[in-house]
Amino acid sequence: ACADMQLMPQILINVPIMKGFDFRSDARVGAALLDAERKIAGRGRILLRPSGTEPVLRVMVEGETEDEVRCLANSLADVIREAARG
């Protein structure tokens, strides 16, 4: 059943945010997400998800190469940190 499954490098970064920070409506986060999705289009995936138990936004990036995945995840996390500060 798993013969066709291809494992890809993945990174998860937990970015601390203030309670109530709406990352979905923040223009900086939206632009950074679109840019990252364009860069990895068809070769991976990106997920931004707030934790249900702690004040963090989870940034998960999966793709073909570890370097690309790490770079995109760190770039997104940096933008989110800056946007969450206000």
N, C-alpha and C. Protein backbone atom coordinates (compact mmCIF):
# COMPACT_ATOMS: atom_id res chain seq x y z
N ALA A 1 0.82 -1.20 0.00
CA ALA A 1 0.00 0.00 0.00
C ALA A 1 0.86 1.26 0.00
N CYS A 2 2.07 1.16 0.52
CA CYS A 2 2.93 2.34 0.62
C CYS A 2 4.00 2.37 -0.47
N ALA A 3 3.95 1.46 -1.41
CA ALA A 3 4.99 1.35 -2.43
C ALA A 3 5.16 2.63 -3.25
N ASP A 4 4.08 3.34 -3.50
CA ASP A 4 4.15 4.56 -4.32
C ASP A 4 4.37 5.82 -3.49
N MET A 5 4.44 5.70 -2.18
CA MET A 5 4.57 6.88 -1.32
C MET A 5 6.00 7.40 -1.36
N GLN A 6 6.13 8.71 -1.60
CA GLN A 6 7.43 9.35 -1.64
C GLN A 6 7.56 10.27 -0.43
N LEU A 7 8.57 10.01 0.41
CA LEU A 7 8.80 10.86 1.57
C LEU A 7 9.58 12.09 1.14
N MET A 8 9.18 13.25 1.68
CA MET A 8 9.83 14.51 1.34
C MET A 8 10.29 15.19 2.62
N PRO A 9 11.35 16.01 2.53
CA PRO A 9 11.76 16.76 3.71
C PRO A 9 10.63 17.66 4.19
N GLN A 10 10.53 17.78 5.51
CA GLN A 10 9.47 18.59 6.11
C GLN A 10 10.04 19.31 7.32
N ILE A 11 9.59 20.53 7.53
CA ILE A 11 10.00 21.27 8.73
C ILE A 11 8.76 21.90 9.34
N LEU A 12 8.74 21.94 10.66
CA LEU A 12 7.65 22.55 11.41
C LEU A 12 8.25 23.56 12.37
N ILE A 13 7.79 24.81 12.28
CA ILE A 13 8.24 25.87 13.18
C ILE A 13 7.03 26.40 13.93
N ASN A 14 7.14 26.45 15.25
CA ASN A 14 6.09 27.03 16.09
C ASN A 14 6.43 28.48 16.36
N VAL A 15 5.63 29.39 15.83
CA VAL A 15 5.88 30.83 15.98
C VAL A 15 4.96 31.38 17.07
N PRO A 16 5.53 31.91 18.15
CA PRO A 16 4.70 32.50 19.20
C PRO A 16 3.93 33.71 18.66
N ILE A 17 2.65 33.77 19.00
CA ILE A 17 1.80 34.89 18.58
C ILE A 17 0.97 35.34 19.78
N MET A 18 0.49 36.56 19.70
CA MET A 18 -0.41 37.08 20.73
C MET A 18 -1.79 36.46 20.50
N LYS A 19 -2.48 36.19 21.59
CA LYS A 19 -3.84 35.67 21.48
C LYS A 19 -4.68 36.65 20.69
N GLY A 20 -5.44 36.14 19.73
CA GLY A 20 -6.29 36.99 18.91
C GLY A 20 -5.65 37.46 17.61
N PHE A 21 -4.37 37.18 17.39
CA PHE A 21 -3.72 37.59 16.15
C PHE A 21 -4.36 36.84 14.98
N ASP A 22 -4.91 37.60 14.03
CA ASP A 22 -5.60 37.00 12.88
C ASP A 22 -4.65 36.97 11.69
N PHE A 23 -3.89 35.90 11.59
CA PHE A 23 -2.90 35.78 10.51
C PHE A 23 -3.56 35.73 9.14
N ARG A 24 -4.80 35.26 9.08
CA ARG A 24 -5.49 35.12 7.79
C ARG A 24 -5.81 36.48 7.14
N SER A 25 -5.98 37.50 7.96
CA SER A 25 -6.32 38.81 7.40
C SER A 25 -5.13 39.76 7.35
N ASP A 26 -3.96 39.31 7.78
CA ASP A 26 -2.78 40.16 7.75
C ASP A 26 -2.19 40.16 6.34
N ALA A 27 -2.06 41.33 5.74
CA ALA A 27 -1.58 41.46 4.35
C ALA A 27 -0.15 40.96 4.19
N ARG A 28 0.71 41.22 5.19
CA ARG A 28 2.11 40.77 5.10
C ARG A 28 2.20 39.25 5.09
N VAL A 29 1.43 38.62 5.96
CA VAL A 29 1.44 37.16 6.03
C VAL A 29 0.86 36.58 4.74
N GLY A 30 -0.22 37.17 4.26
CA GLY A 30 -0.84 36.70 3.01
C GLY A 30 0.11 36.78 1.83
N ALA A 31 0.82 37.90 1.72
CA ALA A 31 1.77 38.08 0.61
C ALA A 31 2.93 37.10 0.71
N ALA A 32 3.44 36.90 1.92
CA ALA A 32 4.55 35.96 2.11
C ALA A 32 4.12 34.53 1.81
N LEU A 33 2.90 34.18 2.20
CA LEU A 33 2.38 32.84 1.92
C LEU A 33 2.21 32.62 0.42
N LEU A 34 1.65 33.60 -0.28
CA LEU A 34 1.49 33.48 -1.73
C LEU A 34 2.84 33.33 -2.43
N ASP A 35 3.81 34.12 -2.00
CA ASP A 35 5.15 34.05 -2.58
C ASP A 35 5.77 32.67 -2.36
N ALA A 36 5.66 32.15 -1.15
CA ALA A 36 6.22 30.84 -0.83
C ALA A 36 5.51 29.74 -1.62
N GLU A 37 4.19 29.84 -1.74
CA GLU A 37 3.42 28.84 -2.49
C GLU A 37 3.81 28.86 -3.97
N ARG A 38 4.09 30.04 -4.51
CA ARG A 38 4.54 30.13 -5.92
C ARG A 38 5.89 29.45 -6.10
N LYS A 39 6.76 29.64 -5.13
CA LYS A 39 8.11 29.08 -5.22
C LYS A 39 8.11 27.56 -5.16
N ILE A 40 7.17 26.99 -4.44
CA ILE A 40 7.15 25.53 -4.25
C ILE A 40 6.04 24.85 -5.06
N ALA A 41 5.35 25.61 -5.87
CA ALA A 41 4.18 25.12 -6.62
C ALA A 41 4.42 23.77 -7.29
N GLY A 42 3.56 22.82 -6.97
CA GLY A 42 3.61 21.51 -7.58
C GLY A 42 4.70 20.59 -7.05
N ARG A 43 5.53 21.11 -6.13
CA ARG A 43 6.65 20.32 -5.63
C ARG A 43 6.63 20.17 -4.12
N GLY A 44 5.53 20.57 -3.50
CA GLY A 44 5.46 20.48 -2.05
C GLY A 44 4.18 21.13 -1.54
N ARG A 45 4.15 21.40 -0.23
CA ARG A 45 2.96 22.03 0.34
C ARG A 45 3.35 22.86 1.55
N ILE A 46 2.47 23.81 1.86
CA ILE A 46 2.68 24.72 2.99
C ILE A 46 1.39 24.75 3.79
N LEU A 47 1.53 24.72 5.10
CA LEU A 47 0.37 24.77 5.98
C LEU A 47 0.65 25.75 7.11
N LEU A 48 -0.25 26.70 7.32
CA LEU A 48 -0.22 27.59 8.49
C LEU A 48 -1.43 27.22 9.32
N ARG A 49 -1.19 26.90 10.61
CA ARG A 49 -2.30 26.45 11.46
C ARG A 49 -2.07 26.90 12.90
N PRO A 50 -3.06 27.58 13.47
CA PRO A 50 -2.92 27.95 14.88
C PRO A 50 -3.05 26.71 15.76
N SER A 51 -2.27 26.70 16.82
CA SER A 51 -2.38 25.61 17.80
C SER A 51 -3.71 25.73 18.53
N GLY A 52 -4.26 24.61 18.89
CA GLY A 52 -5.48 24.62 19.69
C GLY A 52 -5.22 24.67 21.17
N THR A 53 -3.94 24.56 21.58
CA THR A 53 -3.63 24.47 23.00
C THR A 53 -2.65 25.52 23.51
N GLU A 54 -1.96 26.21 22.60
CA GLU A 54 -0.99 27.21 23.04
C GLU A 54 -0.95 28.37 22.04
N PRO A 55 -0.44 29.53 22.46
CA PRO A 55 -0.44 30.71 21.57
C PRO A 55 0.69 30.67 20.54
N VAL A 56 0.59 29.75 19.61
CA VAL A 56 1.58 29.64 18.53
C VAL A 56 0.86 29.38 17.21
N LEU A 57 1.52 29.81 16.14
CA LEU A 57 1.07 29.50 14.80
C LEU A 57 2.06 28.50 14.24
N ARG A 58 1.57 27.36 13.81
CA ARG A 58 2.44 26.31 13.29
C ARG A 58 2.67 26.56 11.79
N VAL A 59 3.94 26.60 11.41
CA VAL A 59 4.33 26.79 10.02
C VAL A 59 4.95 25.48 9.57
N MET A 60 4.28 24.77 8.65
CA MET A 60 4.79 23.50 8.14
C MET A 60 5.03 23.65 6.65
N VAL A 61 6.23 23.29 6.25
CA VAL A 61 6.59 23.31 4.83
C VAL A 61 7.18 21.95 4.49
N GLU A 62 6.73 21.40 3.37
CA GLU A 62 7.20 20.11 2.88
C GLU A 62 7.56 20.30 1.41
N GLY A 63 8.69 19.75 0.99
CA GLY A 63 9.10 19.93 -0.40
C GLY A 63 10.21 18.97 -0.80
N GLU A 64 10.76 19.21 -1.98
CA GLU A 64 11.74 18.30 -2.56
C GLU A 64 13.10 18.33 -1.86
N THR A 65 13.57 19.53 -1.51
CA THR A 65 14.90 19.61 -0.91
C THR A 65 14.83 20.24 0.48
N GLU A 66 15.68 19.75 1.35
CA GLU A 66 15.71 20.26 2.72
C GLU A 66 16.07 21.74 2.76
N ASP A 67 17.00 22.17 1.92
CA ASP A 67 17.40 23.58 1.90
C ASP A 67 16.23 24.49 1.53
N GLU A 68 15.48 24.13 0.50
CA GLU A 68 14.35 24.93 0.07
C GLU A 68 13.27 24.97 1.15
N VAL A 69 12.99 23.82 1.74
CA VAL A 69 11.98 23.72 2.79
C VAL A 69 12.36 24.59 3.97
N ARG A 70 13.59 24.50 4.42
CA ARG A 70 14.07 25.28 5.56
C ARG A 70 14.01 26.78 5.26
N CYS A 71 14.45 27.17 4.07
CA CYS A 71 14.45 28.58 3.68
C CYS A 71 13.03 29.15 3.66
N LEU A 72 12.10 28.45 3.03
CA LEU A 72 10.72 28.93 2.95
C LEU A 72 10.07 28.99 4.34
N ALA A 73 10.29 27.97 5.15
CA ALA A 73 9.69 27.95 6.50
C ALA A 73 10.24 29.09 7.36
N ASN A 74 11.54 29.30 7.31
CA ASN A 74 12.14 30.38 8.10
C ASN A 74 11.67 31.75 7.62
N SER A 75 11.56 31.93 6.31
CA SER A 75 11.08 33.21 5.77
C SER A 75 9.65 33.50 6.22
N LEU A 76 8.79 32.49 6.13
CA LEU A 76 7.40 32.66 6.58
C LEU A 76 7.35 32.95 8.08
N ALA A 77 8.11 32.21 8.85
CA ALA A 77 8.12 32.41 10.32
C ALA A 77 8.59 33.82 10.66
N ASP A 78 9.59 34.32 9.97
CA ASP A 78 10.08 35.69 10.22
C ASP A 78 8.99 36.73 9.95
N VAL A 79 8.27 36.59 8.84
CA VAL A 79 7.20 37.52 8.51
C VAL A 79 6.09 37.45 9.56
N ILE A 80 5.74 36.25 9.99
CA ILE A 80 4.69 36.08 10.99
C ILE A 80 5.11 36.71 12.32
N ARG A 81 6.36 36.50 12.73
CA ARG A 81 6.85 37.11 13.98
C ARG A 81 6.71 38.63 13.93
N GLU A 82 7.13 39.21 12.80
CA GLU A 82 7.07 40.66 12.63
C GLU A 82 5.62 41.15 12.63
N ALA A 83 4.76 40.48 11.89
CA ALA A 83 3.35 40.88 11.80
C ALA A 83 2.65 40.74 13.15
N ALA A 84 2.99 39.71 13.90
CA ALA A 84 2.33 39.46 15.19
C ALA A 84 2.72 40.50 16.23
N ARG A 85 3.87 41.15 16.02
CA ARG A 85 4.31 42.21 16.97
C ARG A 85 3.47 43.47 16.84
N GLY A 86 2.88 43.65 15.65
CA GLY A 86 2.03 44.82 15.47
C GLY A 86 2.52 45.80 14.47
